[in-house]
Amino acid sequence: MRFELLALYAGPDQVMTVTSGLASVLGLLLIFWNKVVGIFFKVVRKFSRAGTPAAVDTPKDSPKGTP
């Protein structure tokens, strides 16, 4: 038997601890999902925006003022 491979063994006591930690992190993420998505889109908008907004062209036949 190769004893080096025995060092890679993860028993149920180690695996259950890791999966419990992952489940708690996932649970917190799901509780605050709306906030997480909002922050994500704020960051994306910040990096994807152009320097200045484009000017909006008005049609030539639109009324200029109120009657």
Protein backbone atom coordinates (compact mmCIF):
# COMPACT_ATOMS: atom_id res chain seq x y z
CA MET A 1 0.00 0.00 0.00
CA ARG A 2 1.22 3.50 -0.82
CA PHE A 3 1.17 5.64 2.31
CA GLU A 4 1.46 8.91 0.32
CA LEU A 5 -2.09 8.41 -0.94
CA LEU A 6 -3.30 7.92 2.62
CA ALA A 7 -2.36 11.55 3.33
CA LEU A 8 -4.90 12.66 0.71
CA TYR A 9 -7.76 10.86 2.45
CA ALA A 10 -10.55 13.15 3.66
CA GLY A 11 -12.82 11.45 6.12
CA PRO A 12 -16.42 12.35 6.84
CA ASP A 13 -15.42 14.55 9.76
CA GLN A 14 -13.38 16.83 7.47
CA VAL A 15 -15.79 16.78 4.55
CA MET A 16 -18.88 17.56 6.64
CA THR A 17 -17.13 20.57 8.21
CA VAL A 18 -16.19 22.01 4.85
CA THR A 19 -19.63 21.43 3.31
CA SER A 20 -21.31 22.97 6.36
CA GLY A 21 -19.19 26.09 5.96
CA LEU A 22 -19.97 26.31 2.25
CA ALA A 23 -23.68 25.90 2.95
CA SER A 24 -23.65 28.72 5.49
CA VAL A 25 -21.86 31.06 3.07
CA LEU A 26 -24.33 30.15 0.31
CA GLY A 27 -27.24 30.74 2.69
CA LEU A 28 -26.00 34.22 3.58
CA LEU A 29 -25.52 34.98 -0.10
CA LEU A 30 -29.09 33.93 -0.85
CA ILE A 31 -30.51 35.97 2.04
CA PHE A 32 -28.86 39.15 0.74
CA TRP A 33 -29.12 38.25 -2.97
CA ASN A 34 -30.90 41.49 -3.93
CA LYS A 35 -28.14 43.60 -2.37
CA VAL A 36 -25.38 41.47 -3.94
CA VAL A 37 -26.88 41.84 -7.42
CA GLY A 38 -27.36 45.59 -6.92
CA ILE A 39 -23.73 46.08 -5.93
CA PHE A 40 -22.60 43.92 -8.86
CA PHE A 41 -24.54 46.03 -11.37
CA LYS A 42 -23.27 49.28 -9.83
CA VAL A 43 -19.70 48.09 -10.33
CA VAL A 44 -20.42 46.94 -13.89
CA ARG A 45 -22.10 50.26 -14.75
CA LYS A 46 -19.18 52.20 -13.31
CA PHE A 47 -16.66 50.44 -15.53
CA SER A 48 -18.79 50.17 -18.68
CA ARG A 49 -20.00 53.78 -18.96
CA ALA A 50 -18.53 56.15 -21.48
CA GLY A 51 -16.94 59.40 -20.25
CA THR A 52 -19.77 61.68 -21.38
CA PRO A 53 -23.37 60.78 -22.20
CA ALA A 54 -24.43 61.05 -25.83
CA ALA A 55 -26.60 64.03 -26.83
CA VAL A 56 -30.21 63.26 -27.63
CA ASP A 57 -31.29 64.52 -31.04
CA THR A 58 -34.76 66.08 -31.21
CA PRO A 59 -36.80 65.76 -34.39
CA LYS A 60 -37.03 68.93 -36.55
CA ASP A 61 -40.83 69.01 -36.55
CA SER A 62 -41.25 68.83 -32.75
CA PRO A 63 -42.80 71.84 -30.97
CA LYS A 64 -40.22 74.18 -29.44
CA GLY A 65 -42.29 75.48 -26.54
CA THR A 66 -45.65 75.38 -24.87
CA PRO A 67 -48.60 77.10 -26.65
